[in-house]
Amino acid sequence: MRLVYESDITKKSPNELLKERRSELNLDQVTYSYLCLLVESVSKRSTELDDKIGKLTPAWPVEQMARLDVAILRIALSEIDAGDVPVAVSISEAVELAKRYCSTGAARMINGALGSYVRQ
C-alpha cells in the first residue's frame, strides 16, 4: 500500500520504490516476487483501475478522493482481477487497511465499492 501511495504522490515507479526499499522492508523472496507483480500490475493499469473506481464510487470522483483510499482500491482491484488471492481476503485486507490508515467512512466506502465490483 505504501509503495502504491508513494508512487502516486512522487510520480516514481512503484517498482523503483520497491527496489529502493527492499532491504528496509526485509521481505523473503516469495513475498518480494509477489509484491513486484502486484505493484507492476497497479502501475501499468492505474488509468484502467481509476476508471473502474470512478464507476464504483460515483459520489466520490477519483481525482477528489484521498490518495490513500485510491491506492487501497487499486491494490484490491488488481488482486481481485488477477485471481491469485481469494476475493474475500482482498476485500477484508482493503477494509482493514482503510480502518487503520484512512479517514472515517473510508472503510465503508471501500467495502461497498469492492462488494459492488465482485457482484458485477
Protein backbone atom coordinates (compact mmCIF):
# COMPACT_ATOMS: atom_id res chain seq x y z
CA MET A 1 0.00 0.00 0.00
CA ARG A 2 2.76 2.39 0.96
CA LEU A 3 4.58 1.88 -2.34
CA VAL A 4 1.48 2.48 -4.45
CA TYR A 5 0.59 5.55 -2.40
CA GLU A 6 4.13 6.95 -2.53
CA SER A 7 4.30 6.32 -6.27
CA ASP A 8 1.07 8.27 -6.76
CA ILE A 9 2.42 11.21 -4.77
CA THR A 10 6.01 11.28 -6.07
CA LYS A 11 5.30 10.00 -9.60
CA LYS A 12 8.14 7.50 -9.19
CA SER A 13 7.60 3.96 -10.45
CA PRO A 14 6.37 1.66 -7.68
CA ASN A 15 8.89 -0.96 -8.83
CA GLU A 16 11.67 1.62 -8.49
CA LEU A 17 10.47 2.45 -4.99
CA LEU A 18 10.27 -1.26 -4.15
CA LYS A 19 13.88 -1.77 -5.23
CA GLU A 20 14.93 1.22 -3.12
CA ARG A 21 13.06 -0.09 -0.07
CA ARG A 22 13.74 -3.81 -0.40
CA SER A 23 16.28 -4.05 2.41
CA GLU A 24 14.18 -1.80 4.64
CA LEU A 25 11.11 -3.99 4.10
CA ASN A 26 13.03 -7.19 4.93
CA LEU A 27 10.96 -9.43 2.64
CA ASP A 28 11.54 -13.07 1.79
CA GLN A 29 11.93 -13.91 -1.91
CA VAL A 30 8.37 -15.24 -2.38
CA THR A 31 6.80 -12.15 -0.84
CA TYR A 32 9.13 -9.86 -2.77
CA SER A 33 8.26 -11.60 -6.06
CA TYR A 34 4.53 -11.30 -5.39
CA LEU A 35 4.92 -7.66 -4.41
CA CYS A 36 6.82 -6.97 -7.66
CA LEU A 37 3.97 -8.46 -9.69
CA LEU A 38 1.33 -6.57 -7.74
CA VAL A 39 2.96 -3.14 -7.94
CA GLU A 40 3.73 -3.68 -11.62
CA SER A 41 0.08 -4.53 -12.29
CA VAL A 42 -1.15 -1.50 -10.37
CA SER A 43 1.35 0.75 -12.13
CA LYS A 44 0.55 -0.45 -15.64
CA ARG A 45 -3.21 -0.44 -15.07
CA SER A 46 -3.63 2.72 -12.96
CA THR A 47 -5.76 4.53 -15.56
CA GLU A 48 -7.95 1.46 -16.08
CA LEU A 49 -8.23 0.91 -12.33
CA ASP A 50 -9.13 4.56 -11.74
CA ASP A 51 -11.88 4.27 -14.38
CA LYS A 52 -13.27 1.26 -12.51
CA ILE A 53 -13.05 3.11 -9.20
CA GLY A 54 -14.88 6.08 -10.71
CA LYS A 55 -17.74 3.85 -11.84
CA LEU A 56 -17.90 2.14 -8.46
CA THR A 57 -17.87 5.39 -6.46
CA PRO A 58 -19.87 7.95 -8.46
CA ALA A 59 -20.37 10.10 -5.34
CA TRP A 60 -16.58 10.34 -4.89
CA PRO A 61 -14.70 11.37 -8.05
CA VAL A 62 -11.31 9.62 -8.13
CA GLU A 63 -9.39 12.87 -8.54
CA GLN A 64 -11.02 14.21 -5.36
CA MET A 65 -10.58 11.05 -3.27
CA ALA A 66 -7.85 10.73 -0.68
CA ARG A 67 -4.83 9.25 -2.45
CA LEU A 68 -4.53 6.53 0.18
CA ASP A 69 -8.13 5.42 -0.47
CA VAL A 70 -7.33 5.23 -4.18
CA ALA A 71 -4.15 3.24 -3.52
CA ILE A 72 -6.04 0.70 -1.43
CA LEU A 73 -8.76 0.34 -4.07
CA ARG A 74 -6.20 -0.05 -6.87
CA ILE A 75 -4.43 -2.83 -4.98
CA ALA A 76 -7.64 -4.67 -4.11
CA LEU A 77 -8.99 -4.46 -7.66
CA SER A 78 -5.68 -5.73 -9.04
CA GLU A 79 -5.71 -8.66 -6.64
CA ILE A 80 -9.34 -9.48 -7.45
CA ASP A 81 -8.74 -9.28 -11.20
CA ALA A 82 -5.61 -11.46 -11.01
CA GLY A 83 -7.44 -14.14 -9.07
CA ASP A 84 -4.37 -15.09 -7.05
CA VAL A 85 -5.92 -14.06 -3.74
CA PRO A 86 -9.43 -15.07 -2.64
CA VAL A 87 -11.87 -12.21 -3.20
CA ALA A 88 -13.00 -12.17 0.43
CA VAL A 89 -9.38 -11.87 1.58
CA SER A 90 -8.67 -8.97 -0.80
CA ILE A 91 -11.75 -7.11 0.38
CA SER A 92 -11.08 -7.82 4.05
CA GLU A 93 -7.47 -6.64 3.80
CA ALA A 94 -8.52 -3.47 1.97
CA VAL A 95 -11.15 -2.68 4.61
CA GLU A 96 -8.70 -3.30 7.45
CA LEU A 97 -6.10 -1.03 5.83
CA ALA A 98 -8.73 1.68 5.45
CA LYS A 99 -9.84 1.34 9.06
CA ARG A 100 -6.26 1.67 10.23
CA TYR A 101 -4.91 4.38 7.93
CA CYS A 102 -7.77 6.30 6.31
CA SER A 103 -10.36 8.79 7.41
CA THR A 104 -13.67 7.87 8.99
CA GLY A 105 -16.02 6.40 6.44
CA ALA A 106 -13.32 5.24 4.04
CA ALA A 107 -13.58 1.61 5.11
CA ARG A 108 -17.32 1.59 4.46
CA MET A 109 -16.86 3.23 1.06
CA ILE A 110 -14.09 0.78 0.09
CA ASN A 111 -16.12 -2.21 1.28
CA GLY A 112 -19.15 -1.03 -0.69
CA ALA A 113 -17.16 -0.31 -3.85
CA LEU A 114 -15.38 -3.67 -3.82
CA GLY A 115 -18.59 -5.51 -2.96
CA SER A 116 -20.29 -3.88 -5.94
CA TYR A 117 -17.36 -4.80 -8.17
CA VAL A 118 -17.47 -8.50 -7.35
CA ARG A 119 -21.26 -8.62 -7.77
CA GLN A 120 -20.99 -7.24 -11.32
